[in-house]
N, C-alpha and C. Protein backbone atom coordinates (compact mmCIF):
# COMPACT_ATOMS: atom_id res chain seq x y z
N MET A 1 -11.04 4.05 6.42
CA MET A 1 -9.89 3.40 5.84
C MET A 1 -8.73 4.38 5.88
N ARG A 2 -7.60 3.89 6.29
CA ARG A 2 -6.43 4.74 6.37
C ARG A 2 -5.37 4.23 5.41
N GLU A 3 -4.64 5.16 4.85
CA GLU A 3 -3.53 4.81 3.97
C GLU A 3 -2.27 5.41 4.55
N GLN A 4 -1.18 4.67 4.48
CA GLN A 4 0.07 5.16 5.01
C GLN A 4 1.16 5.00 3.98
N LEU A 5 2.01 5.97 3.95
CA LEU A 5 3.20 5.87 3.12
C LEU A 5 4.35 5.77 4.11
N GLY A 6 4.92 4.60 4.26
CA GLY A 6 5.96 4.38 5.26
C GLY A 6 5.31 3.92 6.53
N ALA A 7 5.22 4.81 7.55
CA ALA A 7 4.55 4.45 8.79
C ALA A 7 3.41 5.43 9.02
N GLY A 8 2.30 4.94 9.46
CA GLY A 8 1.16 5.82 9.71
C GLY A 8 -0.09 5.21 9.13
N THR A 9 -1.07 6.05 8.89
CA THR A 9 -2.35 5.58 8.37
C THR A 9 -2.20 5.16 6.91
N ALA A 10 -1.74 6.06 6.09
CA ALA A 10 -1.42 5.73 4.71
C ALA A 10 0.01 6.16 4.52
N THR A 11 0.90 5.22 4.47
CA THR A 11 2.31 5.57 4.50
C THR A 11 3.04 4.94 3.34
N VAL A 12 3.95 5.72 2.75
CA VAL A 12 4.82 5.19 1.69
C VAL A 12 6.25 5.26 2.18
N THR A 13 6.94 4.13 2.12
CA THR A 13 8.35 4.11 2.50
C THR A 13 9.15 3.56 1.33
N ARG A 14 10.39 4.00 1.24
CA ARG A 14 11.24 3.53 0.16
C ARG A 14 12.34 2.65 0.71
N ASP A 15 12.56 1.54 0.03
CA ASP A 15 13.64 0.63 0.38
C ASP A 15 14.66 0.73 -0.74
N SER A 16 15.68 1.53 -0.53
CA SER A 16 16.63 1.80 -1.61
C SER A 16 17.47 0.59 -1.97
N ASP A 17 17.65 -0.34 -1.02
CA ASP A 17 18.45 -1.53 -1.31
C ASP A 17 17.76 -2.44 -2.32
N GLN A 18 16.46 -2.60 -2.18
CA GLN A 18 15.73 -3.51 -3.05
C GLN A 18 15.04 -2.79 -4.21
N GLY A 19 14.98 -1.48 -4.17
CA GLY A 19 14.37 -0.72 -5.25
C GLY A 19 12.85 -0.69 -5.24
N TYR A 20 12.24 -0.82 -4.06
CA TYR A 20 10.79 -0.78 -3.94
C TYR A 20 10.36 0.32 -2.98
N GLU A 21 9.14 0.81 -3.16
CA GLU A 21 8.51 1.65 -2.15
C GLU A 21 7.24 0.93 -1.71
N TYR A 22 6.88 1.11 -0.45
CA TYR A 22 5.79 0.34 0.16
C TYR A 22 4.67 1.26 0.62
N LEU A 23 3.45 0.76 0.51
CA LEU A 23 2.25 1.47 0.95
C LEU A 23 1.50 0.56 1.91
N LEU A 24 1.20 1.07 3.10
CA LEU A 24 0.43 0.31 4.09
C LEU A 24 -0.98 0.85 4.12
N LEU A 25 -1.94 -0.01 3.84
CA LEU A 25 -3.35 0.36 3.82
C LEU A 25 -4.03 -0.35 5.00
N THR A 26 -4.64 0.43 5.91
CA THR A 26 -5.28 -0.12 7.10
C THR A 26 -6.79 0.09 6.99
N VAL A 27 -7.54 -0.99 7.22
CA VAL A 27 -9.00 -0.96 7.12
C VAL A 27 -9.59 -1.30 8.49
N ALA A 28 -10.43 -0.41 9.01
CA ALA A 28 -11.07 -0.62 10.32
C ALA A 28 -12.13 -1.72 10.22
N PRO A 29 -12.45 -2.35 11.34
CA PRO A 29 -13.43 -3.45 11.31
C PRO A 29 -14.84 -3.04 10.89
N HIS A 30 -15.22 -1.81 11.11
CA HIS A 30 -16.58 -1.38 10.76
C HIS A 30 -16.72 -0.99 9.29
N GLU A 31 -15.63 -0.94 8.54
CA GLU A 31 -15.69 -0.57 7.13
C GLU A 31 -16.00 -1.79 6.26
N LYS A 32 -16.64 -1.55 5.14
CA LYS A 32 -17.03 -2.64 4.25
C LYS A 32 -15.81 -3.19 3.53
N ILE A 33 -15.79 -4.52 3.38
CA ILE A 33 -14.68 -5.17 2.68
C ILE A 33 -14.72 -4.83 1.19
N SER A 34 -15.91 -4.57 0.65
CA SER A 34 -16.01 -4.21 -0.76
C SER A 34 -15.35 -2.86 -1.03
N ASP A 35 -15.42 -1.94 -0.06
CA ASP A 35 -14.74 -0.65 -0.21
C ASP A 35 -13.23 -0.83 -0.20
N ALA A 36 -12.76 -1.73 0.66
CA ALA A 36 -11.32 -2.00 0.72
C ALA A 36 -10.83 -2.63 -0.58
N ARG A 37 -11.60 -3.55 -1.12
CA ARG A 37 -11.22 -4.18 -2.38
C ARG A 37 -11.18 -3.17 -3.52
N ALA A 38 -12.15 -2.27 -3.52
CA ALA A 38 -12.17 -1.23 -4.56
C ALA A 38 -10.94 -0.34 -4.44
N ARG A 39 -10.58 -0.01 -3.21
CA ARG A 39 -9.40 0.84 -2.98
C ARG A 39 -8.12 0.14 -3.43
N LEU A 40 -8.00 -1.16 -3.11
CA LEU A 40 -6.83 -1.93 -3.54
C LEU A 40 -6.76 -2.03 -5.06
N ALA A 41 -7.89 -2.25 -5.69
CA ALA A 41 -7.91 -2.33 -7.15
C ALA A 41 -7.53 -1.00 -7.79
N GLU A 42 -7.98 0.08 -7.18
CA GLU A 42 -7.65 1.42 -7.67
C GLU A 42 -6.14 1.68 -7.60
N HIS A 43 -5.53 1.33 -6.48
CA HIS A 43 -4.09 1.50 -6.33
C HIS A 43 -3.32 0.62 -7.32
N ALA A 44 -3.78 -0.60 -7.50
CA ALA A 44 -3.10 -1.52 -8.41
C ALA A 44 -3.19 -1.06 -9.86
N GLU A 45 -4.36 -0.59 -10.25
CA GLU A 45 -4.56 -0.21 -11.65
C GLU A 45 -3.90 1.11 -12.00
N TYR A 46 -4.09 2.12 -11.17
CA TYR A 46 -3.62 3.46 -11.52
C TYR A 46 -2.26 3.80 -10.94
N GLY A 47 -1.90 3.19 -9.82
CA GLY A 47 -0.64 3.51 -9.18
C GLY A 47 0.45 2.49 -9.40
N LYS A 48 0.14 1.41 -10.12
CA LYS A 48 1.09 0.33 -10.40
C LYS A 48 1.55 -0.38 -9.14
N TRP A 49 0.69 -0.45 -8.11
CA TRP A 49 1.02 -1.13 -6.86
C TRP A 49 0.65 -2.60 -6.99
N GLU A 50 1.41 -3.47 -6.31
CA GLU A 50 1.06 -4.89 -6.24
C GLU A 50 0.94 -5.30 -4.78
N LEU A 51 0.01 -6.20 -4.50
CA LEU A 51 -0.24 -6.64 -3.14
C LEU A 51 0.88 -7.57 -2.70
N THR A 52 1.54 -7.22 -1.59
CA THR A 52 2.63 -8.03 -1.06
C THR A 52 2.17 -8.90 0.09
N ARG A 53 1.37 -8.33 0.98
CA ARG A 53 0.96 -9.05 2.18
C ARG A 53 -0.38 -8.51 2.66
N SER A 54 -1.20 -9.39 3.21
CA SER A 54 -2.45 -8.97 3.85
C SER A 54 -2.60 -9.72 5.17
N VAL A 55 -3.11 -9.01 6.19
CA VAL A 55 -3.23 -9.58 7.52
C VAL A 55 -4.58 -9.19 8.11
N LEU A 56 -5.25 -10.16 8.73
CA LEU A 56 -6.47 -9.91 9.49
C LEU A 56 -6.08 -9.98 10.96
N LEU A 57 -6.17 -8.85 11.66
CA LEU A 57 -5.74 -8.77 13.05
C LEU A 57 -6.90 -9.05 13.99
N TYR A 58 -6.56 -9.27 15.27
CA TYR A 58 -7.59 -9.44 16.30
C TYR A 58 -8.45 -8.18 16.34
N GLY A 59 -9.73 -8.36 16.49
CA GLY A 59 -10.64 -7.22 16.52
C GLY A 59 -11.21 -6.89 15.15
N GLY A 60 -10.71 -7.53 14.09
CA GLY A 60 -11.27 -7.33 12.77
C GLY A 60 -10.56 -6.33 11.88
N THR A 61 -9.52 -5.68 12.38
CA THR A 61 -8.76 -4.73 11.56
C THR A 61 -7.98 -5.49 10.50
N ARG A 62 -7.95 -4.95 9.30
CA ARG A 62 -7.20 -5.56 8.21
C ARG A 62 -6.09 -4.61 7.78
N LYS A 63 -4.92 -5.19 7.45
CA LYS A 63 -3.80 -4.41 6.94
C LYS A 63 -3.33 -5.02 5.64
N TYR A 64 -3.06 -4.16 4.68
CA TYR A 64 -2.59 -4.59 3.37
C TYR A 64 -1.29 -3.85 3.06
N TRP A 65 -0.26 -4.59 2.68
CA TRP A 65 1.00 -4.00 2.26
C TRP A 65 1.08 -4.11 0.75
N LEU A 66 1.32 -2.98 0.10
CA LEU A 66 1.48 -2.95 -1.35
C LEU A 66 2.88 -2.43 -1.67
N ARG A 67 3.42 -2.83 -2.79
CA ARG A 67 4.74 -2.34 -3.19
C ARG A 67 4.75 -2.05 -4.68
N ARG A 68 5.69 -1.19 -5.05
CA ARG A 68 5.94 -0.92 -6.47
C ARG A 68 7.41 -0.61 -6.65
N ARG A 69 7.90 -0.91 -7.83
CA ARG A 69 9.31 -0.71 -8.12
C ARG A 69 9.58 0.78 -8.31
N VAL A 70 10.70 1.22 -7.76
CA VAL A 70 11.11 2.62 -7.90
C VAL A 70 11.84 2.77 -9.22
N MET A 71 11.40 3.73 -10.01
CA MET A 71 12.04 4.00 -11.30
C MET A 71 13.11 5.05 -11.10
N ARG A 72 14.33 4.70 -11.36
CA ARG A 72 15.44 5.65 -11.24
C ARG A 72 15.68 6.29 -12.61
N VAL A 73 15.68 7.60 -12.63
CA VAL A 73 15.86 8.34 -13.87
C VAL A 73 17.08 9.23 -13.71
N GLU A 74 17.99 9.15 -14.68
CA GLU A 74 19.19 9.98 -14.65
C GLU A 74 19.01 11.16 -15.59
N ARG A 75 19.59 12.26 -15.19
CA ARG A 75 19.54 13.46 -16.05
C ARG A 75 20.38 13.24 -17.29
N THR A 76 19.93 13.75 -18.39
CA THR A 76 20.66 13.61 -19.65
C THR A 76 21.36 14.90 -20.05
N ILE A 77 21.10 15.94 -19.31
CA ILE A 77 21.70 17.23 -19.65
C ILE A 77 22.79 17.56 -18.66
């Protein structure tokens, strides 16, 4: 299983216009779907990610796009 932030295996990209960052999770066809579900649940619970899109590609590869809102913090000092 690969994770990408932005582009790549596990990639995170930030979309400053919409205020989200995206994570692309790629699962190979030979990997168990239960492992992928556990990984998605882990990201959702601990990383505050939400599932945006999932695709089953030819050959059995699965891709999951997750997103979370970017928290902007301003300095107070």
